[in-house]
């Protein structure tokens, strides 16, 4: 089993979630920024292509196995947007607040508020790994106009889970990791690793 990984992200929320999910396995997670690795370009139109690009970039620069995820929220009424553009939906510099404002504004006249989070996680053992381990997960909810909750990040304060009567930002971290797109994807990835992938 792997002992050290570089995480191809500088997002502190992702780092917290992934560290919590991998902690029981004793895998040391090094954020790419701690190794002087800058962010990769994400020019692709699909989550899988962006995740592969990020993992390859981090593995090459850090000379370590690399874990990358590409994830976002996809609103049904907007044809899947923001999708791969979730982090920069309102442009640069990145801002969760402005991204949420834009999403709420675009959905203001829509009856269909359904949305889902989607995540692809890629593990590359080295930069030229011909068999990256890939797993995905999704999490269904709906977008609400009023922010609720202090936890989470990104679109979590507006991502409402009708069966729980809460937004993702109102969930305890452990509960979120159990239910979330990223938690599902990471558990599937770990299952593949245990199977010898």
Protein backbone atom coordinates (compact mmCIF):
# COMPACT_ATOMS: atom_id res chain seq x y z
CA UNK A 1 0.00 0.00 0.00
CA UNK A 2 1.15 3.55 -0.66
CA UNK A 3 2.62 5.47 2.24
CA UNK A 4 2.97 8.98 0.78
CA UNK A 5 0.95 10.84 -1.82
CA UNK A 6 1.05 14.32 -3.22
CA UNK A 7 -2.42 15.85 -3.41
CA UNK A 8 -2.83 17.77 -6.66
CA UNK A 9 -4.83 20.56 -5.07
CA UNK A 10 -4.29 23.70 -3.04
CA UNK A 11 -7.90 23.73 -1.80
CA UNK A 12 -7.84 23.49 2.02
CA UNK A 13 -11.37 22.06 2.11
CA UNK A 14 -10.44 19.20 -0.21
CA UNK A 15 -7.26 18.56 1.75
CA UNK A 16 -9.20 18.26 5.04
CA UNK A 17 -11.75 15.88 3.53
CA UNK A 18 -9.20 13.66 1.80
CA UNK A 19 -6.88 13.54 4.85
CA UNK A 20 -9.83 12.49 7.04
CA UNK A 21 -10.83 9.74 4.61
CA UNK A 22 -7.27 8.38 4.21
CA UNK A 23 -6.20 8.76 7.87
CA UNK A 24 -7.22 5.18 8.84
CA UNK A 25 -4.82 3.81 6.22
CA UNK A 26 -1.82 5.73 7.52
CA UNK A 27 -1.17 7.41 4.16
CA UNK A 28 0.69 10.71 4.45
CA UNK A 29 -0.88 13.38 2.25
CA UNK A 30 1.38 16.19 1.07
CA UNK A 31 -0.39 19.15 -0.53
CA UNK A 32 1.35 20.07 -3.76
CA UNK A 33 1.95 23.62 -2.53
CA UNK A 34 4.13 22.25 0.33
CA UNK A 35 6.44 20.79 -2.32
CA UNK A 36 6.57 23.92 -4.45
CA UNK A 37 4.30 22.44 -7.12
CA UNK A 38 2.04 24.99 -8.81
CA UNK A 39 -1.44 24.28 -10.11
CA UNK A 40 -1.88 22.46 -13.40
CA UNK A 41 -3.84 23.84 -16.30
CA UNK A 42 -7.41 22.52 -16.46
CA UNK A 43 -8.40 23.23 -20.05
CA UNK A 44 -10.56 20.17 -20.61
CA UNK A 45 -14.31 19.87 -20.94
CA UNK A 46 -14.63 16.76 -18.77
CA UNK A 47 -13.88 16.02 -15.13
CA UNK A 48 -11.85 12.90 -15.98
CA UNK A 49 -9.49 14.71 -18.36
CA UNK A 50 -8.87 17.50 -15.85
CA UNK A 51 -8.25 15.05 -13.00
CA UNK A 52 -5.74 13.11 -15.11
CA UNK A 53 -3.95 16.32 -16.10
CA UNK A 54 -3.69 17.44 -12.47
CA UNK A 55 -2.46 14.05 -11.21
CA UNK A 56 0.14 13.73 -13.99
CA UNK A 57 1.41 17.26 -13.38
CA UNK A 58 1.78 16.75 -9.61
CA UNK A 59 3.40 13.30 -9.97
CA UNK A 60 5.93 14.63 -12.48
CA UNK A 61 6.87 17.71 -10.44
CA UNK A 62 6.91 16.01 -7.00
CA UNK A 63 8.29 12.64 -8.16
CA UNK A 64 5.73 10.96 -5.94
CA UNK A 65 2.46 9.10 -6.48
CA UNK A 66 -0.25 11.71 -6.96
CA UNK A 67 -3.93 11.90 -6.12
CA UNK A 68 -6.14 14.39 -7.93
CA UNK A 69 -9.82 15.00 -8.00
CA UNK A 70 -11.89 17.11 -10.30
CA UNK A 71 -15.32 17.89 -9.02
CA UNK A 72 -18.11 20.37 -9.28
CA UNK A 73 -21.79 21.00 -9.02
CA UNK A 74 -24.02 20.37 -12.03
CA UNK A 75 -27.43 22.07 -12.18
CA UNK A 76 -30.02 20.25 -14.29
CA UNK A 77 -31.74 23.42 -15.50
CA UNK A 78 -28.40 24.82 -16.71
CA UNK A 79 -27.43 21.82 -18.80
CA UNK A 80 -24.90 20.65 -16.23
CA UNK A 81 -23.26 24.01 -15.56
CA UNK A 82 -21.20 25.10 -13.71
CA UNK A 83 -19.74 21.58 -14.02
CA UNK A 84 -16.01 21.61 -14.76
CA UNK A 85 -16.09 25.40 -14.39
CA UNK A 86 -17.36 25.26 -10.78
CA UNK A 87 -14.23 26.66 -9.12
CA UNK A 88 -13.96 29.60 -11.54
CA UNK A 89 -17.62 30.01 -12.47
CA UNK A 90 -17.63 33.76 -11.74
CA UNK A 91 -14.11 34.28 -13.11
CA UNK A 92 -10.81 35.13 -11.48
CA UNK A 93 -9.85 35.52 -8.76
CA UNK A 94 -11.72 32.48 -7.52
CA UNK A 95 -14.46 33.27 -5.04
CA UNK A 96 -16.98 30.88 -3.49
CA UNK A 97 -19.25 33.84 -2.71
CA UNK A 98 -19.26 35.16 -6.29
CA UNK A 99 -19.64 31.66 -7.74
CA UNK A 100 -22.69 31.07 -5.55
CA UNK A 101 -24.17 34.45 -6.43
CA UNK A 102 -23.86 33.69 -10.14
CA UNK A 103 -25.43 30.24 -9.78
CA UNK A 104 -28.36 31.58 -7.72
CA UNK A 105 -28.93 34.38 -10.26
CA UNK A 106 -28.98 31.96 -13.19
CA UNK A 107 -31.48 29.71 -11.41
CA UNK A 108 -33.72 32.56 -10.21
CA UNK A 109 -36.35 32.07 -12.93
CA UNK A 110 -36.06 28.26 -13.11
CA UNK A 111 -38.53 25.87 -11.52
CA UNK A 112 -36.10 22.95 -11.62
CA UNK A 113 -33.57 23.41 -8.80
CA UNK A 114 -32.17 19.88 -8.95
CA UNK A 115 -28.41 19.57 -8.97
CA UNK A 116 -25.75 17.04 -8.16
CA UNK A 117 -22.16 17.15 -7.11
CA UNK A 118 -19.86 14.98 -9.23
CA UNK A 119 -16.31 13.89 -8.49
CA UNK A 120 -13.64 11.93 -10.32
CA UNK A 121 -10.57 10.87 -8.34
CA UNK A 122 -7.42 9.70 -10.08
CA UNK A 123 -4.37 8.06 -8.54
CA UNK A 124 -1.20 7.92 -10.60
CA UNK A 125 1.67 5.91 -9.16
CA UNK A 126 4.08 7.95 -11.29
CA UNK A 127 3.76 10.57 -14.04
CA UNK A 128 3.82 8.01 -16.86
CA UNK A 129 1.54 5.49 -15.16
CA UNK A 130 -0.31 3.74 -18.01
CA UNK A 131 -2.94 2.37 -15.61
CA UNK A 132 -4.14 5.19 -13.36
CA UNK A 133 -6.69 4.13 -10.78
CA UNK A 134 -9.92 6.04 -11.41
CA UNK A 135 -13.11 6.24 -9.37
CA UNK A 136 -16.16 8.49 -9.40
CA UNK A 137 -19.02 9.49 -7.16
CA UNK A 138 -22.10 11.71 -7.27
CA UNK A 139 -24.39 13.29 -4.69
CA UNK A 140 -27.92 14.45 -5.52
CA UNK A 141 -29.52 17.54 -4.04
CA UNK A 142 -31.02 20.87 -5.05
CA UNK A 143 -29.90 24.48 -5.05
CA UNK A 144 -31.54 26.83 -2.56
CA UNK A 145 -31.28 30.60 -2.80
CA UNK A 146 -30.55 31.24 0.87
CA UNK A 147 -27.19 30.10 2.27
CA UNK A 148 -27.37 27.85 5.32
CA UNK A 149 -24.58 26.43 7.46
CA UNK A 150 -21.03 27.33 8.37
CA UNK A 151 -19.22 24.13 7.43
CA UNK A 152 -18.03 22.88 4.09
CA UNK A 153 -16.86 25.02 1.20
CA UNK A 154 -17.73 25.88 -2.38
CA UNK A 155 -21.45 25.51 -3.08
CA UNK A 156 -22.17 23.58 0.16
CA UNK A 157 -24.25 26.35 1.84
CA UNK A 158 -26.68 26.27 -1.11
CA UNK A 159 -26.65 22.50 -1.76
CA UNK A 160 -29.81 21.27 -0.02
CA UNK A 161 -30.45 17.64 0.88
CA UNK A 162 -34.20 17.25 1.06
CA UNK A 163 -34.17 13.90 2.91
CA UNK A 164 -32.04 15.42 5.69
CA UNK A 165 -33.59 18.90 5.63
CA UNK A 166 -30.09 20.39 5.66
CA UNK A 167 -27.55 21.87 3.30
CA UNK A 168 -24.15 20.23 2.89
CA UNK A 169 -22.69 23.10 4.96
CA UNK A 170 -24.89 22.10 7.93
CA UNK A 171 -23.55 18.55 8.11
CA UNK A 172 -20.90 17.36 10.54
CA UNK A 173 -17.67 16.60 8.63
CA UNK A 174 -17.94 12.86 9.28
CA UNK A 175 -21.50 12.74 7.97
CA UNK A 176 -20.57 14.77 4.91
CA UNK A 177 -17.65 12.43 4.13
CA UNK A 178 -20.01 9.47 4.38
CA UNK A 179 -22.55 10.92 1.95
CA UNK A 180 -20.59 13.15 -0.40
CA UNK A 181 -19.49 12.66 -3.99
CA UNK A 182 -15.83 12.88 -2.89
CA UNK A 183 -16.29 10.41 -0.06
CA UNK A 184 -17.97 7.91 -2.38
CA UNK A 185 -15.28 8.31 -5.05
CA UNK A 186 -12.44 7.94 -2.56
CA UNK A 187 -13.93 4.82 -0.96
CA UNK A 188 -14.32 3.28 -4.43
CA UNK A 189 -10.71 4.18 -5.23
CA UNK A 190 -9.49 2.59 -1.99
CA UNK A 191 -11.52 -0.55 -2.71
CA UNK A 192 -9.81 -0.81 -6.10
CA UNK A 193 -6.40 -0.41 -4.46
CA UNK A 194 -7.19 -3.16 -1.96
CA UNK A 195 -8.18 -5.41 -4.87
CA UNK A 196 -4.72 -4.86 -6.29
CA UNK A 197 -5.49 -2.21 -8.93
